[in-house]
Amino acid sequence: ATAGAGAGAGAGPEEAAGAGARAVERKYTLVASVSGPAPHRGNMEAAARSIFLRDGRPAVIFAGQPSAPPEEQVEQNVTTIYNPSSRQIRAAFLEAEVLICRSGYTTLMDLTALGKTAILVPTPGQPEQLALAKRWSSEFGWRNMSQTELSSLPEQASSGRIPAQLKHPGKLAFPTDAHDVRLNFLQEFLHQTA
């Protein structure tokens, strides 16, 4: 699931009160939603920070550590928020030119509901995330890569910047009937793992 779970959800009363103490919402070109067990969560956060610093455009990392202090950490063009509100996540996702996140089922449904595509980075050791990333890539044109490949992302572009998410020509970016997609994927996944 996305850091801060429920990117598509509205902020509740507690979040709205807490969000008032935070800085005014900023616009970010680059967004990473980091999640997963240690050490993978930390490795993804470090990789995202590194590529965002090299890219140079305004960036935010949602690091999903509710026990961390509420303060934002800023390093040059990269802001890291360890305990984001749903409102912050949603606003950043909607404005992002480049969005990087895990390929968990809930994350994919949140992104589909928001009408956003992303570069998918499956959590190592989680076959369902790998299967979902491959499926979203082949059927809907979303880019997917390993956590190791993520570190070299800016070097893959001649501009030195992370390329915006590109869809494969002739492919729909999203499932047209999310219910059918869920059922078909679940049936195929259960058949393959049986």
N, C-alpha and C. Protein backbone atom coordinates (compact mmCIF):
# COMPACT_ATOMS: atom_id res chain seq x y z
N ALA A 1 0.83 -1.18 0.00
CA ALA A 1 0.00 0.00 0.00
C ALA A 1 0.88 1.24 0.00
N THR A 2 0.30 2.32 -0.39
CA THR A 2 1.06 3.56 -0.45
C THR A 2 1.41 4.04 0.93
N ALA A 3 2.47 4.81 1.03
CA ALA A 3 2.84 5.40 2.31
C ALA A 3 1.71 6.30 2.74
N GLY A 4 1.31 6.20 3.98
CA GLY A 4 0.21 7.02 4.45
C GLY A 4 -1.13 6.45 4.06
N ALA A 5 -1.19 5.26 3.51
CA ALA A 5 -2.34 4.50 3.08
C ALA A 5 -3.53 5.35 2.69
N GLY A 6 -4.11 5.00 1.57
CA GLY A 6 -5.32 5.66 1.13
C GLY A 6 -5.08 6.99 0.47
N ALA A 7 -4.26 7.02 -0.56
CA ALA A 7 -3.95 8.27 -1.22
C ALA A 7 -5.20 8.95 -1.77
N GLY A 8 -6.21 8.18 -2.12
CA GLY A 8 -7.41 8.75 -2.70
C GLY A 8 -8.39 9.24 -1.65
N ALA A 9 -8.17 8.92 -0.39
CA ALA A 9 -9.12 9.27 0.66
C ALA A 9 -8.98 10.74 1.04
N GLY A 10 -10.09 11.31 1.49
CA GLY A 10 -10.05 12.69 1.97
C GLY A 10 -9.47 12.72 3.38
N ALA A 11 -9.00 13.86 3.79
CA ALA A 11 -8.42 13.99 5.12
C ALA A 11 -9.54 14.00 6.16
N GLY A 12 -9.34 13.24 7.24
CA GLY A 12 -10.29 13.21 8.34
C GLY A 12 -10.07 14.41 9.23
N PRO A 13 -10.93 14.57 10.27
CA PRO A 13 -10.81 15.72 11.15
C PRO A 13 -9.45 15.82 11.83
N GLU A 14 -8.90 14.66 12.26
CA GLU A 14 -7.60 14.68 12.92
C GLU A 14 -6.51 15.14 11.96
N GLU A 15 -6.58 14.63 10.72
CA GLU A 15 -5.57 15.02 9.73
C GLU A 15 -5.70 16.50 9.38
N ALA A 16 -6.93 16.97 9.25
CA ALA A 16 -7.13 18.38 8.90
C ALA A 16 -6.55 19.28 9.98
N ALA A 17 -6.75 18.90 11.24
CA ALA A 17 -6.21 19.72 12.33
C ALA A 17 -4.69 19.68 12.32
N GLY A 18 -4.10 18.48 12.12
CA GLY A 18 -2.65 18.34 12.10
C GLY A 18 -2.03 19.01 10.89
N ALA A 19 -2.75 19.01 9.77
CA ALA A 19 -2.19 19.58 8.55
C ALA A 19 -2.06 21.09 8.65
N GLY A 20 -2.89 21.74 9.51
CA GLY A 20 -2.80 23.18 9.66
C GLY A 20 -1.46 23.62 10.23
N ALA A 21 -0.84 22.74 11.01
CA ALA A 21 0.45 23.07 11.62
C ALA A 21 1.59 22.89 10.64
N ARG A 22 1.34 22.22 9.56
CA ARG A 22 2.38 21.96 8.57
C ARG A 22 2.50 23.11 7.57
N ALA A 23 3.56 23.04 6.82
CA ALA A 23 3.80 24.07 5.82
C ALA A 23 2.68 24.07 4.78
N VAL A 24 2.49 25.20 4.14
CA VAL A 24 1.52 25.32 3.06
C VAL A 24 1.89 24.31 1.97
N GLU A 25 0.87 23.72 1.34
CA GLU A 25 1.12 22.74 0.29
C GLU A 25 1.99 23.34 -0.81
N ARG A 26 2.97 22.58 -1.23
CA ARG A 26 3.85 23.00 -2.31
C ARG A 26 3.61 22.12 -3.53
N LYS A 27 4.03 22.60 -4.67
CA LYS A 27 3.92 21.80 -5.88
C LYS A 27 5.23 21.07 -6.12
N TYR A 28 5.11 19.78 -6.34
CA TYR A 28 6.28 18.95 -6.58
C TYR A 28 6.16 18.31 -7.96
N THR A 29 7.25 18.35 -8.71
CA THR A 29 7.30 17.71 -10.02
C THR A 29 7.55 16.22 -9.87
N LEU A 30 8.40 15.86 -8.91
CA LEU A 30 8.80 14.48 -8.68
C LEU A 30 8.24 14.01 -7.34
N VAL A 31 7.61 12.83 -7.34
CA VAL A 31 7.02 12.30 -6.11
C VAL A 31 7.37 10.83 -5.99
N ALA A 32 7.81 10.43 -4.79
CA ALA A 32 8.02 9.01 -4.50
C ALA A 32 7.25 8.66 -3.24
N SER A 33 6.54 7.54 -3.31
CA SER A 33 5.85 7.01 -2.15
C SER A 33 6.59 5.72 -1.78
N VAL A 34 7.25 5.76 -0.63
CA VAL A 34 8.14 4.69 -0.20
C VAL A 34 7.43 3.80 0.82
N SER A 35 7.55 2.50 0.64
CA SER A 35 6.96 1.57 1.59
C SER A 35 7.70 0.25 1.53
N GLY A 36 7.31 -0.66 2.40
CA GLY A 36 7.92 -1.98 2.41
C GLY A 36 8.67 -2.23 3.70
N PRO A 37 9.01 -3.48 3.93
CA PRO A 37 9.75 -3.83 5.15
C PRO A 37 11.21 -3.38 5.04
N ALA A 38 11.86 -3.27 6.21
CA ALA A 38 13.30 -2.99 6.21
C ALA A 38 14.01 -4.23 5.67
N PRO A 39 15.06 -4.09 4.93
CA PRO A 39 15.76 -2.86 4.57
C PRO A 39 15.23 -2.23 3.28
N HIS A 40 14.23 -2.85 2.65
CA HIS A 40 13.76 -2.40 1.34
C HIS A 40 13.18 -0.99 1.37
N ARG A 41 12.45 -0.64 2.44
CA ARG A 41 11.89 0.70 2.53
C ARG A 41 13.02 1.73 2.56
N GLY A 42 14.02 1.50 3.38
CA GLY A 42 15.15 2.42 3.46
C GLY A 42 15.94 2.50 2.17
N ASN A 43 16.11 1.36 1.49
CA ASN A 43 16.83 1.34 0.21
C ASN A 43 16.08 2.13 -0.85
N MET A 44 14.75 1.99 -0.88
CA MET A 44 13.97 2.74 -1.87
C MET A 44 14.02 4.23 -1.56
N GLU A 45 13.93 4.59 -0.29
CA GLU A 45 14.01 6.01 0.09
C GLU A 45 15.35 6.60 -0.34
N ALA A 46 16.44 5.89 -0.08
CA ALA A 46 17.77 6.38 -0.45
C ALA A 46 17.91 6.51 -1.96
N ALA A 47 17.39 5.53 -2.71
CA ALA A 47 17.46 5.59 -4.18
C ALA A 47 16.65 6.76 -4.70
N ALA A 48 15.44 6.95 -4.18
CA ALA A 48 14.60 8.07 -4.62
C ALA A 48 15.28 9.40 -4.32
N ARG A 49 15.83 9.55 -3.12
CA ARG A 49 16.51 10.80 -2.77
C ARG A 49 17.67 11.06 -3.72
N SER A 50 18.46 10.05 -3.99
CA SER A 50 19.63 10.20 -4.86
C SER A 50 19.23 10.64 -6.27
N ILE A 51 18.23 9.98 -6.85
CA ILE A 51 17.85 10.35 -8.23
C ILE A 51 17.15 11.69 -8.27
N PHE A 52 16.40 12.04 -7.22
CA PHE A 52 15.74 13.34 -7.19
C PHE A 52 16.76 14.46 -7.03
N LEU A 53 17.79 14.26 -6.22
CA LEU A 53 18.84 15.27 -6.08
C LEU A 53 19.56 15.48 -7.41
N ARG A 54 19.85 14.39 -8.13
CA ARG A 54 20.52 14.51 -9.43
C ARG A 54 19.62 15.21 -10.45
N ASP A 55 18.32 14.96 -10.39
CA ASP A 55 17.38 15.56 -11.34
C ASP A 55 17.28 17.07 -11.11
N GLY A 56 17.15 17.50 -9.86
CA GLY A 56 17.15 18.92 -9.53
C GLY A 56 15.80 19.61 -9.45
N ARG A 57 14.74 19.00 -9.96
CA ARG A 57 13.42 19.62 -9.90
C ARG A 57 12.80 19.43 -8.51
N PRO A 58 11.78 20.24 -8.16
CA PRO A 58 11.14 20.10 -6.85
C PRO A 58 10.60 18.68 -6.65
N ALA A 59 10.95 18.08 -5.50
CA ALA A 59 10.60 16.68 -5.26
C ALA A 59 10.16 16.47 -3.82
N VAL A 60 9.32 15.44 -3.64
CA VAL A 60 8.91 15.04 -2.30
C VAL A 60 8.96 13.52 -2.21
N ILE A 61 9.38 13.05 -1.04
CA ILE A 61 9.36 11.63 -0.73
C ILE A 61 8.43 11.44 0.45
N PHE A 62 7.41 10.60 0.28
CA PHE A 62 6.54 10.21 1.38
C PHE A 62 7.12 8.91 1.91
N ALA A 63 7.73 8.99 3.09
CA ALA A 63 8.49 7.86 3.60
C ALA A 63 7.70 6.94 4.53
N GLY A 64 6.49 7.30 4.87
CA GLY A 64 5.60 6.39 5.58
C GLY A 64 6.12 5.83 6.88
N GLN A 65 6.55 6.69 7.78
CA GLN A 65 6.97 6.27 9.11
C GLN A 65 6.17 7.06 10.13
N PRO A 66 4.96 6.59 10.47
CA PRO A 66 4.10 7.35 11.40
C PRO A 66 4.75 7.64 12.75
N SER A 67 5.71 6.83 13.18
CA SER A 67 6.36 7.07 14.48
C SER A 67 7.46 8.13 14.39
N ALA A 68 7.80 8.57 13.18
CA ALA A 68 8.85 9.58 13.01
C ALA A 68 8.33 10.96 13.39
N PRO A 69 9.23 11.89 13.67
CA PRO A 69 8.79 13.26 14.00
C PRO A 69 8.01 13.87 12.83
N PRO A 70 7.05 14.76 13.14
CA PRO A 70 6.22 15.34 12.08
C PRO A 70 6.95 16.35 11.20
N GLU A 71 8.14 16.77 11.60
CA GLU A 71 8.85 17.77 10.81
C GLU A 71 9.26 17.21 9.45
N GLU A 72 9.21 18.08 8.47
CA GLU A 72 9.71 17.72 7.14
C GLU A 72 11.22 17.89 7.15
N GLN A 73 11.90 17.05 6.39
CA GLN A 73 13.34 17.22 6.20
C GLN A 73 13.55 17.69 4.77
N VAL A 74 14.38 18.71 4.61
CA VAL A 74 14.65 19.25 3.29
C VAL A 74 16.14 19.18 3.01
N GLU A 75 16.46 18.61 1.86
CA GLU A 75 17.85 18.55 1.38
C GLU A 75 17.83 19.05 -0.06
N GLN A 76 18.32 20.23 -0.28
CA GLN A 76 18.31 20.90 -1.58
C GLN A 76 16.88 20.92 -2.13
N ASN A 77 16.62 20.24 -3.23
CA ASN A 77 15.31 20.27 -3.88
C ASN A 77 14.36 19.18 -3.38
N VAL A 78 14.80 18.36 -2.41
CA VAL A 78 14.03 17.19 -1.99
C VAL A 78 13.49 17.37 -0.57
N THR A 79 12.16 17.30 -0.44
CA THR A 79 11.50 17.33 0.85
C THR A 79 11.09 15.91 1.19
N THR A 80 11.38 15.47 2.42
CA THR A 80 10.95 14.15 2.88
C THR A 80 9.95 14.36 3.99
N ILE A 81 8.78 13.72 3.83
CA ILE A 81 7.72 13.80 4.83
C ILE A 81 7.49 12.38 5.35
N TYR A 82 7.72 12.20 6.65
CA TYR A 82 7.64 10.86 7.23
C TYR A 82 6.25 10.50 7.74
N ASN A 83 5.40 11.46 7.95
CA ASN A 83 4.06 11.18 8.44
C ASN A 83 3.06 12.06 7.70
N PRO A 84 2.89 11.82 6.39
CA PRO A 84 2.04 12.70 5.57
C PRO A 84 0.56 12.45 5.82
N SER A 85 -0.23 13.47 5.58
CA SER A 85 -1.68 13.32 5.62
C SER A 85 -2.15 12.80 4.26
N SER A 86 -3.34 12.25 4.23
CA SER A 86 -3.93 11.80 2.95
C SER A 86 -4.05 12.97 1.99
N ARG A 87 -4.36 14.15 2.53
CA ARG A 87 -4.51 15.35 1.69
C ARG A 87 -3.19 15.69 1.01
N GLN A 88 -2.08 15.62 1.76
CA GLN A 88 -0.77 15.91 1.18
C GLN A 88 -0.42 14.91 0.08
N ILE A 89 -0.66 13.65 0.36
CA ILE A 89 -0.35 12.60 -0.63
C ILE A 89 -1.17 12.82 -1.90
N ARG A 90 -2.47 13.00 -1.73
CA ARG A 90 -3.36 13.17 -2.89
C ARG A 90 -2.94 14.38 -3.73
N ALA A 91 -2.70 15.51 -3.08
CA ALA A 91 -2.33 16.73 -3.81
C ALA A 91 -1.03 16.51 -4.59
N ALA A 92 -0.05 15.89 -3.96
CA ALA A 92 1.23 15.66 -4.64
C ALA A 92 1.08 14.67 -5.79
N PHE A 93 0.32 13.60 -5.59
CA PHE A 93 0.10 12.62 -6.65
C PHE A 93 -0.55 13.28 -7.86
N LEU A 94 -1.55 14.12 -7.62
CA LEU A 94 -2.27 14.75 -8.73
C LEU A 94 -1.41 15.73 -9.51
N GLU A 95 -0.45 16.38 -8.85
CA GLU A 95 0.37 17.39 -9.52
C GLU A 95 1.66 16.82 -10.13
N ALA A 96 2.04 15.62 -9.74
CA ALA A 96 3.33 15.06 -10.13
C ALA A 96 3.43 14.82 -11.64
N GLU A 97 4.60 15.15 -12.17
CA GLU A 97 4.93 14.76 -13.55
C GLU A 97 5.53 13.36 -13.55
N VAL A 98 6.26 13.05 -12.48
CA VAL A 98 6.87 11.73 -12.31
C VAL A 98 6.48 11.22 -10.94
N LEU A 99 5.91 10.03 -10.91
CA LEU A 99 5.48 9.40 -9.67
C LEU A 99 6.10 8.02 -9.60
N ILE A 100 6.76 7.73 -8.48
CA ILE A 100 7.43 6.45 -8.28
C ILE A 100 6.85 5.82 -7.02
N CYS A 101 6.41 4.56 -7.13
CA CYS A 101 5.84 3.90 -5.97
C CYS A 101 5.90 2.38 -6.12
N ARG A 102 5.52 1.68 -5.06
CA ARG A 102 5.44 0.23 -5.08
C ARG A 102 4.26 -0.18 -5.94
N SER A 103 4.20 -1.46 -6.26
CA SER A 103 3.14 -1.96 -7.14
C SER A 103 2.15 -2.83 -6.40
N GLY A 104 1.85 -2.45 -5.16
CA GLY A 104 0.82 -3.16 -4.40
C GLY A 104 -0.56 -2.88 -4.97
N TYR A 105 -1.45 -3.80 -4.72
CA TYR A 105 -2.79 -3.70 -5.27
C TYR A 105 -3.50 -2.41 -4.86
N THR A 106 -3.44 -2.06 -3.57
CA THR A 106 -4.11 -0.85 -3.09
C THR A 106 -3.53 0.39 -3.76
N THR A 107 -2.22 0.42 -3.91
CA THR A 107 -1.57 1.56 -4.57
C THR A 107 -2.07 1.69 -6.00
N LEU A 108 -2.15 0.59 -6.73
CA LEU A 108 -2.61 0.63 -8.12
C LEU A 108 -4.06 1.11 -8.21
N MET A 109 -4.89 0.67 -7.28
CA MET A 109 -6.29 1.12 -7.29
C MET A 109 -6.38 2.61 -6.94
N ASP A 110 -5.56 3.09 -5.97
CA ASP A 110 -5.53 4.52 -5.65
C ASP A 110 -5.13 5.33 -6.88
N LEU A 111 -4.09 4.90 -7.56
CA LEU A 111 -3.60 5.62 -8.74
C LEU A 111 -4.64 5.61 -9.85
N THR A 112 -5.29 4.48 -10.05
CA THR A 112 -6.33 4.39 -11.08
C THR A 112 -7.48 5.34 -10.75
N ALA A 113 -7.89 5.39 -9.48
CA ALA A 113 -8.97 6.29 -9.06
C ALA A 113 -8.58 7.75 -9.29
N LEU A 114 -7.29 8.07 -9.12
CA LEU A 114 -6.82 9.45 -9.32
C LEU A 114 -6.50 9.76 -10.79
N GLY A 115 -6.50 8.73 -11.65
CA GLY A 115 -6.17 8.95 -13.05
C GLY A 115 -4.70 9.21 -13.29
N LYS A 116 -3.83 8.64 -12.45
CA LYS A 116 -2.38 8.85 -12.56
C LYS A 116 -1.66 7.54 -12.85
N THR A 117 -0.63 7.63 -13.67
CA THR A 117 0.25 6.48 -13.89
C THR A 117 1.52 6.69 -13.07
N ALA A 118 2.30 5.62 -12.93
CA ALA A 118 3.50 5.71 -12.10
C ALA A 118 4.57 4.77 -12.62
N ILE A 119 5.78 5.03 -12.17
CA ILE A 119 6.87 4.08 -12.36
C ILE A 119 6.78 3.13 -11.18
N LEU A 120 6.57 1.86 -11.45
CA LEU A 120 6.34 0.87 -10.41
C LEU A 120 7.63 0.17 -10.02
N VAL A 121 7.86 0.07 -8.71
CA VAL A 121 9.04 -0.59 -8.16
C VAL A 121 8.56 -1.65 -7.18
N PRO A 122 8.40 -2.91 -7.63
CA PRO A 122 7.90 -3.95 -6.72
C PRO A 122 8.83 -4.15 -5.53
N THR A 123 8.25 -4.43 -4.38
CA THR A 123 9.05 -4.73 -3.19
C THR A 123 9.75 -6.06 -3.41
N PRO A 124 11.08 -6.12 -3.27
CA PRO A 124 11.79 -7.38 -3.43
C PRO A 124 11.21 -8.45 -2.49
N GLY A 125 11.05 -9.66 -3.03
CA GLY A 125 10.54 -10.77 -2.24
C GLY A 125 9.04 -10.84 -2.15
N GLN A 126 8.33 -9.97 -2.87
CA GLN A 126 6.87 -10.00 -2.86
C GLN A 126 6.37 -10.31 -4.27
N PRO A 127 6.16 -11.61 -4.57
CA PRO A 127 5.82 -12.02 -5.94
C PRO A 127 4.53 -11.39 -6.47
N GLU A 128 3.57 -11.11 -5.57
CA GLU A 128 2.33 -10.50 -6.06
C GLU A 128 2.59 -9.10 -6.59
N GLN A 129 3.52 -8.35 -5.99
CA GLN A 129 3.85 -7.02 -6.50
C GLN A 129 4.58 -7.11 -7.84
N LEU A 130 5.46 -8.08 -7.98
CA LEU A 130 6.15 -8.29 -9.25
C LEU A 130 5.15 -8.64 -10.35
N ALA A 131 4.21 -9.52 -10.03
CA ALA A 131 3.20 -9.92 -11.01
C ALA A 131 2.32 -8.73 -11.40
N LEU A 132 1.91 -7.93 -10.42
CA LEU A 132 1.09 -6.75 -10.72
C LEU A 132 1.86 -5.74 -11.57
N ALA A 133 3.13 -5.50 -11.24
CA ALA A 133 3.93 -4.55 -12.02
C ALA A 133 4.07 -5.02 -13.47
N LYS A 134 4.34 -6.30 -13.65
CA LYS A 134 4.47 -6.83 -15.02
C LYS A 134 3.15 -6.71 -15.77
N ARG A 135 2.06 -6.99 -15.09
CA ARG A 135 0.75 -6.92 -15.74
C ARG A 135 0.40 -5.48 -16.11
N TRP A 136 0.59 -4.55 -15.18
CA TRP A 136 0.27 -3.15 -15.48
C TRP A 136 1.19 -2.62 -16.58
N SER A 137 2.41 -3.11 -16.64
CA SER A 137 3.33 -2.69 -17.69
C SER A 137 2.88 -3.23 -19.05
N SER A 138 2.58 -4.51 -19.12
CA SER A 138 2.23 -5.11 -20.41
C SER A 138 0.85 -4.68 -20.90
N GLU A 139 -0.10 -4.54 -19.98
CA GLU A 139 -1.46 -4.22 -20.41
C GLU A 139 -1.75 -2.73 -20.51
N PHE A 140 -1.10 -1.94 -19.66
CA PHE A 140 -1.45 -0.51 -19.60
C PHE A 140 -0.27 0.42 -19.86
N GLY A 141 0.91 -0.14 -20.10
CA GLY A 141 2.06 0.68 -20.48
C GLY A 141 2.77 1.37 -19.35
N TRP A 142 2.51 1.00 -18.10
CA TRP A 142 3.19 1.64 -16.98
C TRP A 142 4.61 1.10 -16.92
N ARG A 143 5.54 1.95 -16.63
CA ARG A 143 6.94 1.54 -16.53
C ARG A 143 7.16 0.81 -15.21
N ASN A 144 7.92 -0.28 -15.24
CA ASN A 144 8.26 -0.94 -13.99
C ASN A 144 9.73 -1.28 -14.00
N MET A 145 10.33 -1.28 -12.81
CA MET A 145 11.76 -1.55 -12.69
C MET A 145 12.06 -2.09 -11.31
N SER A 146 13.19 -2.73 -11.20
CA SER A 146 13.61 -3.24 -9.90
C SER A 146 14.11 -2.08 -9.04
N GLN A 147 14.23 -2.34 -7.75
CA GLN A 147 14.75 -1.33 -6.84
C GLN A 147 16.18 -0.96 -7.23
N THR A 148 16.96 -1.92 -7.72
CA THR A 148 18.33 -1.65 -8.16
C THR A 148 18.34 -0.75 -9.39
N GLU A 149 17.44 -1.01 -10.35
CA GLU A 149 17.36 -0.20 -11.56
C GLU A 149 16.94 1.24 -11.26
N LEU A 150 16.16 1.42 -10.20
CA LEU A 150 15.69 2.76 -9.83
C LEU A 150 16.85 3.72 -9.62
N SER A 151 17.94 3.26 -9.05
CA SER A 151 19.09 4.12 -8.75
C SER A 151 19.70 4.77 -9.99
N SER A 152 19.56 4.15 -11.16
CA SER A 152 20.18 4.68 -12.38
C SER A 152 19.18 5.38 -13.29
N LEU A 153 18.00 5.67 -12.80
CA LEU A 153 16.95 6.24 -13.63
C LEU A 153 17.33 7.52 -14.38
N PRO A 154 17.92 8.55 -13.74
CA PRO A 154 18.23 9.76 -14.52
C PRO A 154 19.25 9.54 -15.62
N GLU A 155 20.18 8.60 -15.42
CA GLU A 155 21.19 8.36 -16.45
C GLU A 155 20.60 7.76 -17.72
N GLN A 156 19.40 7.21 -17.62
CA GLN A 156 18.76 6.60 -18.78
C GLN A 156 18.22 7.65 -19.75
N ALA A 157 18.11 8.88 -19.31
CA ALA A 157 17.58 9.95 -20.16
C ALA A 157 18.72 10.86 -20.61
N SER A 158 18.68 11.29 -21.85
CA SER A 158 19.74 12.15 -22.38
C SER A 158 19.79 13.50 -21.65
N SER A 159 18.65 13.95 -21.10
CA SER A 159 18.61 15.24 -20.41
C SER A 159 19.16 15.17 -18.99
N GLY A 160 19.36 13.95 -18.47
CA GLY A 160 19.78 13.79 -17.09
C GLY A 160 18.62 13.92 -16.11
N ARG A 161 17.42 14.13 -16.63
CA ARG A 161 16.23 14.22 -15.80
C ARG A 161 15.42 12.94 -15.91
N ILE A 162 14.68 12.65 -14.88
CA ILE A 162 13.82 11.48 -14.90
C ILE A 162 12.72 11.72 -15.92
N PRO A 163 12.57 10.81 -16.89
CA PRO A 163 11.54 11.03 -17.91
C PRO A 163 10.14 10.86 -17.32
N ALA A 164 9.21 11.68 -17.80
CA ALA A 164 7.82 11.53 -17.40
C ALA A 164 7.33 10.16 -17.82
N GLN A 165 6.32 9.68 -17.13
CA GLN A 165 5.77 8.36 -17.43
C GLN A 165 5.25 8.34 -18.86
N LEU A 166 5.75 7.42 -19.64
CA LEU A 166 5.30 7.28 -21.02
C LEU A 166 4.46 6.03 -21.16
N LYS A 167 3.37 6.15 -21.87
CA LYS A 167 2.51 5.00 -22.12
C LYS A 167 2.91 4.37 -23.45
N HIS A 168 2.71 3.07 -23.56
CA HIS A 168 2.95 2.41 -24.84
C HIS A 168 1.87 2.86 -25.82
N PRO A 169 2.24 3.18 -27.07
CA PRO A 169 1.24 3.61 -28.05
C PRO A 169 0.15 2.55 -28.22
N GLY A 170 -1.08 3.02 -28.33
CA GLY A 170 -2.19 2.11 -28.59
C GLY A 170 -2.69 1.38 -27.37
N LYS A 171 -2.18 1.68 -26.20
CA LYS A 171 -2.63 1.00 -24.98
C LYS A 171 -3.40 1.97 -24.10
N LEU A 172 -4.40 1.45 -23.42
CA LEU A 172 -5.11 2.24 -22.42
C LEU A 172 -4.21 2.37 -21.20
N ALA A 173 -4.24 3.50 -20.54
CA ALA A 173 -3.39 3.70 -19.37
C ALA A 173 -3.96 3.03 -18.12
N PHE A 174 -5.27 2.72 -18.12
CA PHE A 174 -5.92 2.18 -16.94
C PHE A 174 -6.87 1.06 -17.33
N PRO A 175 -7.20 0.22 -16.37
CA PRO A 175 -8.23 -0.79 -16.63
C PRO A 175 -9.54 -0.09 -16.94
N THR A 176 -10.29 -0.61 -17.90
CA THR A 176 -11.59 0.00 -18.22
C THR A 176 -12.65 -0.49 -17.26
N ASP A 177 -12.47 -1.66 -16.71
CA ASP A 177 -13.40 -2.19 -15.72
C ASP A 177 -12.56 -2.81 -14.61
N ALA A 178 -12.29 -2.01 -13.59
CA ALA A 178 -11.40 -2.44 -12.52
C ALA A 178 -11.88 -3.73 -11.86
N HIS A 179 -13.20 -3.92 -11.76
CA HIS A 179 -13.73 -5.13 -11.14
C HIS A 179 -13.30 -6.36 -11.92
N ASP A 180 -13.45 -6.33 -13.26
CA ASP A 180 -13.04 -7.47 -14.09
C ASP A 180 -11.55 -7.70 -14.01
N VAL A 181 -10.77 -6.64 -13.99
CA VAL A 181 -9.32 -6.76 -13.91
C VAL A 181 -8.93 -7.45 -12.61
N ARG A 182 -9.56 -7.05 -11.50
CA ARG A 182 -9.25 -7.67 -10.20
C ARG A 182 -9.57 -9.15 -10.23
N LEU A 183 -10.74 -9.50 -10.73
CA LEU A 183 -11.13 -10.92 -10.76
C LEU A 183 -10.21 -11.72 -11.67
N ASN A 184 -9.93 -11.21 -12.86
CA ASN A 184 -9.05 -11.93 -13.79
C ASN A 184 -7.66 -12.12 -13.21
N PHE A 185 -7.11 -11.06 -12.62
CA PHE A 185 -5.77 -11.16 -12.06
C PHE A 185 -5.75 -12.16 -10.91
N LEU A 186 -6.74 -12.08 -10.02
CA LEU A 186 -6.79 -12.98 -8.88
C LEU A 186 -6.88 -14.43 -9.34
N GLN A 187 -7.72 -14.71 -10.33
CA GLN A 187 -7.85 -16.07 -10.85
C GLN A 187 -6.52 -16.55 -11.45
N GLU A 188 -5.86 -15.72 -12.24
CA GLU A 188 -4.59 -16.11 -12.84
C GLU A 188 -3.52 -16.31 -11.78
N PHE A 189 -3.46 -15.40 -10.80
CA PHE A 189 -2.45 -15.50 -9.75
C PHE A 189 -2.64 -16.77 -8.94
N LEU A 190 -3.88 -17.07 -8.57
CA LEU A 190 -4.15 -18.29 -7.79
C LEU A 190 -3.83 -19.54 -8.61
N HIS A 191 -4.10 -19.50 -9.90
CA HIS A 191 -3.80 -20.64 -10.77
C HIS A 191 -2.28 -20.85 -10.87
N GLN A 192 -1.52 -19.77 -10.99
CA GLN A 192 -0.08 -19.88 -11.13
C GLN A 192 0.60 -20.32 -9.84
N THR A 193 0.03 -19.97 -8.70
CA THR A 193 0.67 -20.31 -7.43
C THR A 193 0.17 -21.62 -6.85
N ALA A 194 -0.84 -22.22 -7.48
CA ALA A 194 -1.40 -23.49 -6.96
C ALA A 194 -0.47 -24.66 -7.23
